[in-house]
Amino acid sequence: MAEPEDIKDRTFRFALAIISLVESLPDTISAKTIGKQLIRSGTSVGANVEEATAAHSKNDFIYRMNVALREARETLYWLRLLDASEVLEKQLLTGVLKEADEITRILGAIVSSARGKRKS
């Protein structure tokens, strides 16, 4: 069984996927508006994970990871909105939507575990 990928590497690759996706959006007002939100939140996930790994306390770690989780949830929202509005073809969104969902779940588990509220 392979080792799980480091969350820092995974969120970095996710940010690259978000950048690529936003660059492929059509030149419409709605796509540009959603794209600005998506690029901000989607690249912020990894930036906050990076900050969390350099936290000076457990509370700081939890705070930063929780910010990353909130940004991941927001990114998932914008991706779902793109999907539902059919601004892009479904096949362009499928992989990144799945990855956003998985990252959100992983970050949620990290935050819960760090708080000592691990769900079984």
PDB file of N, CA and C in Angstrom:
ATOM      1  N   MET A   1       0.843  -1.192   0.000  1.00  0.00           N
ATOM      2  CA  MET A   1       0.000   0.000   0.000  1.00  0.00           C
ATOM      3  C   MET A   1       0.886   1.252   0.000  1.00  0.00           C
ATOM      4  N   ALA A   2       0.570   2.204  -0.837  1.00  0.00           N
ATOM      5  CA  ALA A   2       1.375   3.417  -0.967  1.00  0.00           C
ATOM      6  C   ALA A   2       1.147   4.345   0.223  1.00  0.00           C
ATOM      7  N   GLU A   3       2.184   5.110   0.522  1.00  0.00           N
ATOM      8  CA  GLU A   3       2.076   6.119   1.577  1.00  0.00           C
ATOM      9  C   GLU A   3       1.104   7.206   1.129  1.00  0.00           C
ATOM     10  N   PRO A   4       0.287   7.745   2.056  1.00  0.00           N
ATOM     11  CA  PRO A   4      -0.589   8.845   1.662  1.00  0.00           C
ATOM     12  C   PRO A   4       0.249  10.073   1.287  1.00  0.00           C
ATOM     13  N   GLU A   5      -0.227  10.795   0.303  1.00  0.00           N
ATOM     14  CA  GLU A   5       0.494  11.977  -0.150  1.00  0.00           C
ATOM     15  C   GLU A   5       0.447  13.065   0.918  1.00  0.00           C
ATOM     16  N   ASP A   6       1.544  13.758   1.094  1.00  0.00           N
ATOM     17  CA  ASP A   6       1.630  14.858   2.039  1.00  0.00           C
ATOM     18  C   ASP A   6       0.586  15.921   1.680  1.00  0.00           C
ATOM     19  N   ILE A   7      -0.130  16.418   2.682  1.00  0.00           N
ATOM     20  CA  ILE A   7      -1.199  17.397   2.434  1.00  0.00           C
ATOM     21  C   ILE A   7      -0.637  18.690   1.834  1.00  0.00           C
ATOM     22  N   LYS A   8       0.604  19.045   2.182  1.00  0.00           N
ATOM     23  CA  LYS A   8       1.202  20.245   1.581  1.00  0.00           C
ATOM     24  C   LYS A   8       1.393  20.056   0.080  1.00  0.00           C
ATOM     25  N   ASP A   9       1.898  18.899  -0.322  1.00  0.00           N
ATOM     26  CA  ASP A   9       2.093  18.623  -1.751  1.00  0.00           C
ATOM     27  C   ASP A   9       0.757  18.542  -2.479  1.00  0.00           C
ATOM     28  N   ARG A  10      -0.184  17.910  -1.832  1.00  0.00           N
ATOM     29  CA  ARG A  10      -1.494  17.712  -2.464  1.00  0.00           C
ATOM     30  C   ARG A  10      -2.206  19.050  -2.674  1.00  0.00           C
ATOM     31  N   THR A  11      -2.166  19.931  -1.683  1.00  0.00           N
ATOM     32  CA  THR A  11      -2.838  21.219  -1.836  1.00  0.00           C
ATOM     33  C   THR A  11      -2.092  22.139  -2.805  1.00  0.00           C
ATOM     34  N   PHE A  12      -0.768  21.959  -2.925  1.00  0.00           N
ATOM     35  CA  PHE A  12      -0.005  22.715  -3.919  1.00  0.00           C
ATOM     36  C   PHE A  12      -0.433  22.297  -5.331  1.00  0.00           C
ATOM     37  N   ARG A  13      -0.507  20.980  -5.547  1.00  0.00           N
ATOM     38  CA  ARG A  13      -0.950  20.478  -6.856  1.00  0.00           C
ATOM     39  C   ARG A  13      -2.385  20.909  -7.141  1.00  0.00           C
ATOM     40  N   PHE A  14      -3.211  20.942  -6.106  1.00  0.00           N
ATOM     41  CA  PHE A  14      -4.594  21.388  -6.250  1.00  0.00           C
ATOM     42  C   PHE A  14      -4.634  22.858  -6.693  1.00  0.00           C
ATOM     43  N   ALA A  15      -3.789  23.691  -6.101  1.00  0.00           N
ATOM     44  CA  ALA A  15      -3.731  25.105  -6.492  1.00  0.00           C
ATOM     45  C   ALA A  15      -3.349  25.238  -7.965  1.00  0.00           C
ATOM     46  N   LEU A  16      -2.401  24.424  -8.411  1.00  0.00           N
ATOM     47  CA  LEU A  16      -2.020  24.440  -9.825  1.00  0.00           C
ATOM     48  C   LEU A  16      -3.199  24.038 -10.719  1.00  0.00           C
ATOM     49  N   ALA A  17      -3.962  23.046 -10.283  1.00  0.00           N
ATOM     50  CA  ALA A  17      -5.142  22.615 -11.053  1.00  0.00           C
ATOM     51  C   ALA A  17      -6.186  23.730 -11.110  1.00  0.00           C
ATOM     52  N   ILE A  18      -6.351  24.441 -10.008  1.00  0.00           N
ATOM     53  CA  ILE A  18      -7.306  25.558  -9.967  1.00  0.00           C
ATOM     54  C   ILE A  18      -6.859  26.657 -10.932  1.00  0.00           C
ATOM     55  N   ILE A  19      -5.571  26.976 -10.921  1.00  0.00           N
ATOM     56  CA  ILE A  19      -5.047  28.002 -11.835  1.00  0.00           C
ATOM     57  C   ILE A  19      -5.326  27.603 -13.281  1.00  0.00           C
ATOM     58  N   SER A  20      -5.040  26.368 -13.608  1.00  0.00           N
ATOM     59  CA  SER A  20      -5.271  25.872 -14.960  1.00  0.00           C
ATOM     60  C   SER A  20      -6.753  25.941 -15.330  1.00  0.00           C
ATOM     61  N   LEU A  21      -7.607  25.546 -14.411  1.00  0.00           N
ATOM     62  CA  LEU A  21      -9.048  25.574 -14.646  1.00  0.00           C
ATOM     63  C   LEU A  21      -9.534  27.002 -14.885  1.00  0.00           C
ATOM     64  N   VAL A  22      -9.107  27.926 -14.050  1.00  0.00           N
ATOM     65  CA  VAL A  22      -9.530  29.327 -14.184  1.00  0.00           C
ATOM     66  C   VAL A  22      -9.049  29.903 -15.515  1.00  0.00           C
ATOM     67  N   GLU A  23      -7.839  29.537 -15.924  1.00  0.00           N
ATOM     68  CA  GLU A  23      -7.316  30.016 -17.209  1.00  0.00           C
ATOM     69  C   GLU A  23      -8.149  29.501 -18.386  1.00  0.00           C
ATOM     70  N   SER A  24      -8.853  28.389 -18.201  1.00  0.00           N
ATOM     71  CA  SER A  24      -9.653  27.816 -19.283  1.00  0.00           C
ATOM     72  C   SER A  24     -11.093  28.331 -19.313  1.00  0.00           C
ATOM     73  N   LEU A  25     -11.455  29.177 -18.344  1.00  0.00           N
ATOM     74  CA  LEU A  25     -12.822  29.700 -18.308  1.00  0.00           C
ATOM     75  C   LEU A  25     -13.082  30.619 -19.499  1.00  0.00           C
ATOM     76  N   PRO A  26     -14.323  30.628 -19.976  1.00  0.00           N
ATOM     77  CA  PRO A  26     -14.659  31.524 -21.087  1.00  0.00           C
ATOM     78  C   PRO A  26     -14.597  32.992 -20.655  1.00  0.00           C
ATOM     79  N   ASP A  27     -14.561  33.857 -21.614  1.00  0.00           N
ATOM     80  CA  ASP A  27     -14.439  35.295 -21.360  1.00  0.00           C
ATOM     81  C   ASP A  27     -15.826  35.921 -21.204  1.00  0.00           C
ATOM     82  N   THR A  28     -16.526  35.520 -20.137  1.00  0.00           N
ATOM     83  CA  THR A  28     -17.843  36.085 -19.839  1.00  0.00           C
ATOM     84  C   THR A  28     -17.803  36.718 -18.454  1.00  0.00           C
ATOM     85  N   ILE A  29     -18.741  37.589 -18.176  1.00  0.00           N
ATOM     86  CA  ILE A  29     -18.788  38.264 -16.868  1.00  0.00           C
ATOM     87  C   ILE A  29     -18.943  37.250 -15.740  1.00  0.00           C
ATOM     88  N   SER A  30     -19.865  36.308 -15.904  1.00  0.00           N
ATOM     89  CA  SER A  30     -20.088  35.334 -14.827  1.00  0.00           C
ATOM     90  C   SER A  30     -18.861  34.444 -14.615  1.00  0.00           C
ATOM     91  N   ALA A  31     -18.238  33.998 -15.691  1.00  0.00           N
ATOM     92  CA  ALA A  31     -17.059  33.140 -15.569  1.00  0.00           C
ATOM     93  C   ALA A  31     -15.899  33.905 -14.926  1.00  0.00           C
ATOM     94  N   LYS A  32     -15.707  35.155 -15.307  1.00  0.00           N
ATOM     95  CA  LYS A  32     -14.642  35.963 -14.717  1.00  0.00           C
ATOM     96  C   LYS A  32     -14.883  36.189 -13.222  1.00  0.00           C
ATOM     97  N   THR A  33     -16.128  36.438 -12.859  1.00  0.00           N
ATOM     98  CA  THR A  33     -16.473  36.684 -11.454  1.00  0.00           C
ATOM     99  C   THR A  33     -16.239  35.430 -10.619  1.00  0.00           C
ATOM    100  N   ILE A  34     -16.735  34.312 -11.092  1.00  0.00           N
ATOM    101  CA  ILE A  34     -16.527  33.044 -10.383  1.00  0.00           C
ATOM    102  C   ILE A  34     -15.034  32.699 -10.369  1.00  0.00           C
ATOM    103  N   GLY A  35     -14.358  32.930 -11.477  1.00  0.00           N
ATOM    104  CA  GLY A  35     -12.930  32.641 -11.578  1.00  0.00           C
ATOM    105  C   GLY A  35     -12.105  33.394 -10.551  1.00  0.00           C
ATOM    106  N   LYS A  36     -12.426  34.667 -10.326  1.00  0.00           N
ATOM    107  CA  LYS A  36     -11.696  35.458  -9.322  1.00  0.00           C
ATOM    108  C   LYS A  36     -11.875  34.865  -7.928  1.00  0.00           C
ATOM    109  N   GLN A  37     -13.090  34.470  -7.618  1.00  0.00           N
ATOM    110  CA  GLN A  37     -13.357  33.869  -6.304  1.00  0.00           C
ATOM    111  C   GLN A  37     -12.647  32.520  -6.177  1.00  0.00           C
ATOM    112  N   LEU A  38     -12.724  31.751  -7.241  1.00  0.00           N
ATOM    113  CA  LEU A  38     -12.146  30.406  -7.257  1.00  0.00           C
ATOM    114  C   LEU A  38     -10.620  30.442  -7.127  1.00  0.00           C
ATOM    115  N   ILE A  39      -9.981  31.349  -7.830  1.00  0.00           N
ATOM    116  CA  ILE A  39      -8.512  31.431  -7.762  1.00  0.00           C
ATOM    117  C   ILE A  39      -8.072  31.871  -6.369  1.00  0.00           C
ATOM    118  N   ARG A  40      -8.830  32.773  -5.763  1.00  0.00           N
ATOM    119  CA  ARG A  40      -8.489  33.252  -4.423  1.00  0.00           C
ATOM    120  C   ARG A  40      -8.617  32.134  -3.397  1.00  0.00           C
ATOM    121  N   SER A  41      -9.775  31.479  -3.385  1.00  0.00           N
ATOM    122  CA  SER A  41      -9.989  30.447  -2.365  1.00  0.00           C
ATOM    123  C   SER A  41      -9.192  29.177  -2.658  1.00  0.00           C
ATOM    124  N   GLY A  42      -9.115  28.793  -3.919  1.00  0.00           N
ATOM    125  CA  GLY A  42      -8.447  27.545  -4.277  1.00  0.00           C
ATOM    126  C   GLY A  42      -6.948  27.552  -4.047  1.00  0.00           C
ATOM    127  N   THR A  43      -6.322  28.716  -4.223  1.00  0.00           N
ATOM    128  CA  THR A  43      -4.885  28.798  -3.968  1.00  0.00           C
ATOM    129  C   THR A  43      -4.598  29.080  -2.491  1.00  0.00           C
ATOM    130  N   SER A  44      -5.576  29.601  -1.793  1.00  0.00           N
ATOM    131  CA  SER A  44      -5.418  29.901  -0.372  1.00  0.00           C
ATOM    132  C   SER A  44      -5.376  28.645   0.498  1.00  0.00           C
ATOM    133  N   VAL A  45      -5.988  27.570   0.034  1.00  0.00           N
ATOM    134  CA  VAL A  45      -6.003  26.321   0.808  1.00  0.00           C
ATOM    135  C   VAL A  45      -4.571  25.898   1.128  1.00  0.00           C
ATOM    136  N   GLY A  46      -3.755  25.743   0.104  1.00  0.00           N
ATOM    137  CA  GLY A  46      -2.375  25.312   0.294  1.00  0.00           C
ATOM    138  C   GLY A  46      -1.537  26.320   1.058  1.00  0.00           C
ATOM    139  N   ALA A  47      -1.772  27.608   0.826  1.00  0.00           N
ATOM    140  CA  ALA A  47      -1.020  28.642   1.548  1.00  0.00           C
ATOM    141  C   ALA A  47      -1.272  28.537   3.049  1.00  0.00           C
ATOM    142  N   ASN A  48      -2.508  28.272   3.426  1.00  0.00           N
ATOM    143  CA  ASN A  48      -2.832  28.136   4.850  1.00  0.00           C
ATOM    144  C   ASN A  48      -2.310  26.830   5.438  1.00  0.00           C
ATOM    145  N   VAL A  49      -2.276  25.782   4.647  1.00  0.00           N
ATOM    146  CA  VAL A  49      -1.671  24.527   5.107  1.00  0.00           C
ATOM    147  C   VAL A  49      -0.183  24.755   5.368  1.00  0.00           C
ATOM    148  N   GLU A  50       0.489  25.470   4.467  1.00  0.00           N
ATOM    149  CA  GLU A  50       1.902  25.809   4.667  1.00  0.00           C
ATOM    150  C   GLU A  50       2.098  26.583   5.965  1.00  0.00           C
ATOM    151  N   GLU A  51       1.252  27.571   6.188  1.00  0.00           N
ATOM    152  CA  GLU A  51       1.337  28.358   7.420  1.00  0.00           C
ATOM    153  C   GLU A  51       1.122  27.481   8.656  1.00  0.00           C
ATOM    154  N   ALA A  52       0.194  26.549   8.561  1.00  0.00           N
ATOM    155  CA  ALA A  52      -0.100  25.664   9.696  1.00  0.00           C
ATOM    156  C   ALA A  52       1.101  24.805  10.056  1.00  0.00           C
ATOM    157  N   THR A  53       1.845  24.376   9.048  1.00  0.00           N
ATOM    158  CA  THR A  53       3.001  23.518   9.329  1.00  0.00           C
ATOM    159  C   THR A  53       4.109  24.283  10.041  1.00  0.00           C
ATOM    160  N   ALA A  54       4.063  25.606   9.984  1.00  0.00           N
ATOM    161  CA  ALA A  54       5.047  26.434  10.683  1.00  0.00           C
ATOM    162  C   ALA A  54       4.448  27.070  11.941  1.00  0.00           C
ATOM    163  N   ALA A  55       3.319  26.553  12.391  1.00  0.00           N
ATOM    164  CA  ALA A  55       2.634  27.123  13.552  1.00  0.00           C
ATOM    165  C   ALA A  55       3.531  27.078  14.783  1.00  0.00           C
ATOM    166  N   HIS A  56       3.387  28.085  15.628  1.00  0.00           N
ATOM    167  CA  HIS A  56       4.188  28.154  16.847  1.00  0.00           C
ATOM    168  C   HIS A  56       3.500  27.524  18.059  1.00  0.00           C
ATOM    169  N   SER A  57       2.243  27.094  17.871  1.00  0.00           N
ATOM    170  CA  SER A  57       1.521  26.424  18.956  1.00  0.00           C
ATOM    171  C   SER A  57       0.434  25.525  18.364  1.00  0.00           C
ATOM    172  N   LYS A  58      -0.093  24.650  19.200  1.00  0.00           N
ATOM    173  CA  LYS A  58      -1.177  23.775  18.757  1.00  0.00           C
ATOM    174  C   LYS A  58      -2.398  24.606  18.354  1.00  0.00           C
ATOM    175  N   ASN A  59      -2.700  25.640  19.138  1.00  0.00           N
ATOM    176  CA  ASN A  59      -3.851  26.495  18.814  1.00  0.00           C
ATOM    177  C   ASN A  59      -3.660  27.216  17.483  1.00  0.00           C
ATOM    178  N   ASP A  60      -2.436  27.668  17.216  1.00  0.00           N
ATOM    179  CA  ASP A  60      -2.143  28.322  15.944  1.00  0.00           C
ATOM    180  C   ASP A  60      -2.295  27.318  14.792  1.00  0.00           C
ATOM    181  N   PHE A  61      -1.815  26.089  14.993  1.00  0.00           N
ATOM    182  CA  PHE A  61      -1.954  25.029  13.991  1.00  0.00           C
ATOM    183  C   PHE A  61      -3.432  24.786  13.684  1.00  0.00           C
ATOM    184  N   ILE A  62      -4.232  24.642  14.723  1.00  0.00           N
ATOM    185  CA  ILE A  62      -5.667  24.395  14.555  1.00  0.00           C
ATOM    186  C   ILE A  62      -6.323  25.563  13.820  1.00  0.00           C
ATOM    187  N   TYR A  63      -5.973  26.776  14.217  1.00  0.00           N
ATOM    188  CA  TYR A  63      -6.541  27.956  13.577  1.00  0.00           C
ATOM    189  C   TYR A  63      -6.230  27.976  12.083  1.00  0.00           C
ATOM    190  N   ARG A  64      -4.954  27.767  11.728  1.00  0.00           N
ATOM    191  CA  ARG A  64      -4.534  27.817  10.318  1.00  0.00           C
ATOM    192  C   ARG A  64      -5.170  26.689   9.504  1.00  0.00           C
ATOM    193  N   MET A  65      -5.208  25.496  10.072  1.00  0.00           N
ATOM    194  CA  MET A  65      -5.834  24.373   9.361  1.00  0.00           C
ATOM    195  C   MET A  65      -7.328  24.610   9.196  1.00  0.00           C
ATOM    196  N   ASN A  66      -7.937  25.239  10.180  1.00  0.00           N
ATOM    197  CA  ASN A  66      -9.366  25.544  10.082  1.00  0.00           C
ATOM    198  C   ASN A  66      -9.612  26.583   8.987  1.00  0.00           C
ATOM    199  N   VAL A  67      -8.708  27.552   8.840  1.00  0.00           N
ATOM    200  CA  VAL A  67      -8.824  28.528   7.746  1.00  0.00           C
ATOM    201  C   VAL A  67      -8.695  27.787   6.409  1.00  0.00           C
ATOM    202  N   ALA A  68      -7.737  26.873   6.316  1.00  0.00           N
ATOM    203  CA  ALA A  68      -7.568  26.076   5.090  1.00  0.00           C
ATOM    204  C   ALA A  68      -8.844  25.290   4.790  1.00  0.00           C
ATOM    205  N   LEU A  69      -9.450  24.722   5.826  1.00  0.00           N
ATOM    206  CA  LEU A  69     -10.707  23.972   5.664  1.00  0.00           C
ATOM    207  C   LEU A  69     -11.817  24.886   5.147  1.00  0.00           C
ATOM    208  N   ARG A  70     -11.936  26.064   5.707  1.00  0.00           N
ATOM    209  CA  ARG A  70     -12.976  26.998   5.242  1.00  0.00           C
ATOM    210  C   ARG A  70     -12.752  27.389   3.780  1.00  0.00           C
ATOM    211  N   GLU A  71     -11.492  27.618   3.415  1.00  0.00           N
ATOM    212  CA  GLU A  71     -11.170  27.962   2.030  1.00  0.00           C
ATOM    213  C   GLU A  71     -11.470  26.784   1.096  1.00  0.00           C
ATOM    214  N   ALA A  72     -11.203  25.573   1.550  1.00  0.00           N
ATOM    215  CA  ALA A  72     -11.504  24.378   0.747  1.00  0.00           C
ATOM    216  C   ALA A  72     -13.009  24.249   0.524  1.00  0.00           C
ATOM    217  N   ARG A  73     -13.775  24.509   1.572  1.00  0.00           N
ATOM    218  CA  ARG A  73     -15.246  24.460   1.440  1.00  0.00           C
ATOM    219  C   ARG A  73     -15.738  25.518   0.468  1.00  0.00           C
ATOM    220  N   GLU A  74     -15.167  26.719   0.556  1.00  0.00           N
ATOM    221  CA  GLU A  74     -15.564  27.778  -0.370  1.00  0.00           C
ATOM    222  C   GLU A  74     -15.205  27.405  -1.805  1.00  0.00           C
ATOM    223  N   THR A  75     -14.028  26.841  -1.985  1.00  0.00           N
ATOM    224  CA  THR A  75     -13.598  26.407  -3.317  1.00  0.00           C
ATOM    225  C   THR A  75     -14.557  25.367  -3.870  1.00  0.00           C
ATOM    226  N   LEU A  76     -14.957  24.432  -3.035  1.00  0.00           N
ATOM    227  CA  LEU A  76     -15.914  23.406  -3.444  1.00  0.00           C
ATOM    228  C   LEU A  76     -17.228  24.048  -3.887  1.00  0.00           C
ATOM    229  N   TYR A  77     -17.658  25.072  -3.181  1.00  0.00           N
ATOM    230  CA  TYR A  77     -18.883  25.791  -3.552  1.00  0.00           C
ATOM    231  C   TYR A  77     -18.759  26.392  -4.958  1.00  0.00           C
ATOM    232  N   TRP A  78     -17.655  27.106  -5.211  1.00  0.00           N
ATOM    233  CA  TRP A  78     -17.481  27.740  -6.520  1.00  0.00           C
ATOM    234  C   TRP A  78     -17.391  26.709  -7.629  1.00  0.00           C
ATOM    235  N   LEU A  79     -16.733  25.587  -7.355  1.00  0.00           N
ATOM    236  CA  LEU A  79     -16.645  24.521  -8.356  1.00  0.00           C
ATOM    237  C   LEU A  79     -18.020  23.928  -8.641  1.00  0.00           C
ATOM    238  N   ARG A  80     -18.807  23.717  -7.591  1.00  0.00           N
ATOM    239  CA  ARG A  80     -20.167  23.185  -7.782  1.00  0.00           C
ATOM    240  C   ARG A  80     -21.026  24.176  -8.569  1.00  0.00           C
ATOM    241  N   LEU A  81     -20.833  25.462  -8.307  1.00  0.00           N
ATOM    242  CA  LEU A  81     -21.574  26.491  -9.034  1.00  0.00           C
ATOM    243  C   LEU A  81     -21.187  26.480 -10.520  1.00  0.00           C
ATOM    244  N   LEU A  82     -19.897  26.369 -10.809  1.00  0.00           N
ATOM    245  CA  LEU A  82     -19.447  26.253 -12.203  1.00  0.00           C
ATOM    246  C   LEU A  82     -20.074  25.039 -12.868  1.00  0.00           C
ATOM    247  N   ASP A  83     -20.088  23.936 -12.151  1.00  0.00           N
ATOM    248  CA  ASP A  83     -20.655  22.692 -12.679  1.00  0.00           C
ATOM    249  C   ASP A  83     -22.145  22.859 -12.971  1.00  0.00           C
ATOM    250  N   ALA A  84     -22.884  23.382 -12.016  1.00  0.00           N
ATOM    251  CA  ALA A  84     -24.338  23.530 -12.173  1.00  0.00           C
ATOM    252  C   ALA A  84     -24.706  24.549 -13.244  1.00  0.00           C
ATOM    253  N   SER A  85     -23.884  25.566 -13.411  1.00  0.00           N
ATOM    254  CA  SER A  85     -24.191  26.606 -14.401  1.00  0.00           C
ATOM    255  C   SER A  85     -23.760  26.220 -15.812  1.00  0.00           C
ATOM    256  N   GLU A  86     -23.039  25.099 -15.916  1.00  0.00           N
ATOM    257  CA  GLU A  86     -22.574  24.587 -17.199  1.00  0.00           C
ATOM    258  C   GLU A  86     -21.702  25.587 -17.963  1.00  0.00           C
ATOM    259  N   VAL A  87     -20.926  26.362 -17.220  1.00  0.00           N
ATOM    260  CA  VAL A  87     -19.993  27.307 -17.828  1.00  0.00           C
ATOM    261  C   VAL A  87     -18.857  26.541 -18.508  1.00  0.00           C
ATOM    262  N   LEU A  88     -18.485  25.407 -17.928  1.00  0.00           N
ATOM    263  CA  LEU A  88     -17.453  24.532 -18.492  1.00  0.00           C
ATOM    264  C   LEU A  88     -18.033  23.150 -18.722  1.00  0.00           C
ATOM    265  N   GLU A  89     -17.394  22.409 -19.593  1.00  0.00           N
ATOM    266  CA  GLU A  89     -17.823  21.029 -19.822  1.00  0.00           C
ATOM    267  C   GLU A  89     -17.562  20.206 -18.563  1.00  0.00           C
ATOM    268  N   LYS A  90     -18.491  19.295 -18.268  1.00  0.00           N
ATOM    269  CA  LYS A  90     -18.402  18.471 -17.056  1.00  0.00           C
ATOM    270  C   LYS A  90     -17.066  17.761 -16.906  1.00  0.00           C
ATOM    271  N   GLN A  91     -16.525  17.227 -17.990  1.00  0.00           N
ATOM    272  CA  GLN A  91     -15.278  16.456 -17.874  1.00  0.00           C
ATOM    273  C   GLN A  91     -14.108  17.317 -17.416  1.00  0.00           C
ATOM    274  N   LEU A  92     -14.173  18.638 -17.618  1.00  0.00           N
ATOM    275  CA  LEU A  92     -13.105  19.523 -17.154  1.00  0.00           C
ATOM    276  C   LEU A  92     -13.182  19.761 -15.646  1.00  0.00           C
ATOM    277  N   LEU A  93     -14.346  19.524 -15.076  1.00  0.00           N
ATOM    278  CA  LEU A  93     -14.559  19.781 -13.652  1.00  0.00           C
ATOM    279  C   LEU A  93     -14.521  18.526 -12.785  1.00  0.00           C
ATOM    280  N   THR A  94     -14.781  17.376 -13.350  1.00  0.00           N
ATOM    281  CA  THR A  94     -14.936  16.145 -12.567  1.00  0.00           C
ATOM    282  C   THR A  94     -13.767  15.874 -11.633  1.00  0.00           C
ATOM    283  N   GLY A  95     -12.550  15.866 -12.162  1.00  0.00           N
ATOM    284  CA  GLY A  95     -11.378  15.554 -11.347  1.00  0.00           C
ATOM    285  C   GLY A  95     -11.110  16.573 -10.264  1.00  0.00           C
ATOM    286  N   VAL A  96     -11.223  17.852 -10.606  1.00  0.00           N
ATOM    287  CA  VAL A  96     -10.941  18.898  -9.626  1.00  0.00           C
ATOM    288  C   VAL A  96     -12.032  18.962  -8.556  1.00  0.00           C
ATOM    289  N   LEU A  97     -13.272  18.678  -8.931  1.00  0.00           N
ATOM    290  CA  LEU A  97     -14.357  18.605  -7.940  1.00  0.00           C
ATOM    291  C   LEU A  97     -14.113  17.473  -6.945  1.00  0.00           C
ATOM    292  N   LYS A  98     -13.709  16.328  -7.455  1.00  0.00           N
ATOM    293  CA  LYS A  98     -13.417  15.168  -6.601  1.00  0.00           C
ATOM    294  C   LYS A  98     -12.261  15.489  -5.659  1.00  0.00           C
ATOM    295  N   GLU A  99     -11.222  16.108  -6.187  1.00  0.00           N
ATOM    296  CA  GLU A  99     -10.061  16.453  -5.367  1.00  0.00           C
ATOM    297  C   GLU A  99     -10.432  17.488  -4.304  1.00  0.00           C
ATOM    298  N   ALA A 100     -11.251  18.467  -4.649  1.00  0.00           N
ATOM    299  CA  ALA A 100     -11.699  19.472  -3.678  1.00  0.00           C
ATOM    300  C   ALA A 100     -12.469  18.812  -2.543  1.00  0.00           C
ATOM    301  N   ASP A 101     -13.324  17.863  -2.884  1.00  0.00           N
ATOM    302  CA  ASP A 101     -14.088  17.146  -1.871  1.00  0.00           C
ATOM    303  C   ASP A 101     -13.162  16.338  -0.962  1.00  0.00           C
ATOM    304  N   GLU A 102     -12.205  15.637  -1.550  1.00  0.00           N
ATOM    305  CA  GLU A 102     -11.280  14.827  -0.757  1.00  0.00           C
ATOM    306  C   GLU A 102     -10.416  15.694   0.150  1.00  0.00           C
ATOM    307  N   ILE A 103      -9.902  16.800  -0.372  1.00  0.00           N
ATOM    308  CA  ILE A 103      -9.080  17.696   0.442  1.00  0.00           C
ATOM    309  C   ILE A 103      -9.899  18.270   1.590  1.00  0.00           C
ATOM    310  N   THR A 104     -11.149  18.627   1.321  1.00  0.00           N
ATOM    311  CA  THR A 104     -12.024  19.152   2.374  1.00  0.00           C
ATOM    312  C   THR A 104     -12.210  18.113   3.475  1.00  0.00           C
ATOM    313  N   ARG A 105     -12.426  16.875   3.101  1.00  0.00           N
ATOM    314  CA  ARG A 105     -12.593  15.806   4.096  1.00  0.00           C
ATOM    315  C   ARG A 105     -11.306  15.577   4.898  1.00  0.00           C
ATOM    316  N   ILE A 106     -10.167  15.578   4.222  1.00  0.00           N
ATOM    317  CA  ILE A 106      -8.884  15.380   4.900  1.00  0.00           C
ATOM    318  C   ILE A 106      -8.633  16.512   5.898  1.00  0.00           C
ATOM    319  N   LEU A 107      -8.831  17.748   5.459  1.00  0.00           N
ATOM    320  CA  LEU A 107      -8.611  18.882   6.351  1.00  0.00           C
ATOM    321  C   LEU A 107      -9.572  18.850   7.533  1.00  0.00           C
ATOM    322  N   GLY A 108     -10.805  18.447   7.284  1.00  0.00           N
ATOM    323  CA  GLY A 108     -11.773  18.306   8.380  1.00  0.00           C
ATOM    324  C   GLY A 108     -11.305  17.281   9.402  1.00  0.00           C
ATOM    325  N   ALA A 109     -10.753  16.177   8.922  1.00  0.00           N
ATOM    326  CA  ALA A 109     -10.239  15.136   9.826  1.00  0.00           C
ATOM    327  C   ALA A 109      -9.020  15.643  10.593  1.00  0.00           C
ATOM    328  N   ILE A 110      -8.158  16.402   9.932  1.00  0.00           N
ATOM    329  CA  ILE A 110      -6.971  16.960  10.603  1.00  0.00           C
ATOM    330  C   ILE A 110      -7.395  17.908  11.716  1.00  0.00           C
ATOM    331  N   VAL A 111      -8.340  18.786  11.420  1.00  0.00           N
ATOM    332  CA  VAL A 111      -8.812  19.744  12.427  1.00  0.00           C
ATOM    333  C   VAL A 111      -9.477  19.015  13.585  1.00  0.00           C
ATOM    334  N   SER A 112     -10.336  18.058  13.291  1.00  0.00           N
ATOM    335  CA  SER A 112     -11.009  17.287  14.349  1.00  0.00           C
ATOM    336  C   SER A 112     -10.010  16.554  15.219  1.00  0.00           C
ATOM    337  N   SER A 113      -9.031  15.928  14.587  1.00  0.00           N
ATOM    338  CA  SER A 113      -8.004  15.187  15.313  1.00  0.00           C
ATOM    339  C   SER A 113      -7.173  16.121  16.200  1.00  0.00           C
ATOM    340  N   ALA A 114      -6.791  17.268  15.653  1.00  0.00           N
ATOM    341  CA  ALA A 114      -5.984  18.214  16.417  1.00  0.00           C
ATOM    342  C   ALA A 114      -6.753  18.777  17.617  1.00  0.00           C
ATOM    343  N   ARG A 115      -8.053  18.906  17.454  1.00  0.00           N
ATOM    344  CA  ARG A 115      -8.886  19.394  18.549  1.00  0.00           C
ATOM    345  C   ARG A 115      -9.197  18.283  19.562  1.00  0.00           C
ATOM    346  N   GLY A 116      -8.890  17.065  19.177  1.00  0.00           N
ATOM    347  CA  GLY A 116      -9.183  15.943  20.067  1.00  0.00           C
ATOM    348  C   GLY A 116     -10.608  15.435  19.955  1.00  0.00           C
ATOM    349  N   LYS A 117     -11.245  15.762  18.842  1.00  0.00           N
ATOM    350  CA  LYS A 117     -12.640  15.341  18.610  1.00  0.00           C
ATOM    351  C   LYS A 117     -12.697  14.422  17.414  1.00  0.00           C
ATOM    352  N   ARG A 118     -11.835  13.444  17.393  1.00  0.00           N
ATOM    353  CA  ARG A 118     -11.748  12.509  16.269  1.00  0.00           C
ATOM    354  C   ARG A 118     -13.037  11.710  16.164  1.00  0.00           C
ATOM    355  N   LYS A 119     -13.649  11.724  14.970  1.00  0.00           N
ATOM    356  CA  LYS A 119     -14.854  10.933  14.724  1.00  0.00           C
ATOM    357  C   LYS A 119     -14.456   9.518  14.393  1.00  0.00           C
ATOM    358  N   SER A 120     -15.202   8.541  14.902  1.00  0.00           N
ATOM    359  CA  SER A 120     -14.881   7.146  14.563  1.00  0.00           C
ATOM    360  C   SER A 120     -15.771   6.635  13.464  1.00  0.00           C
TER     361      SER A 120
END
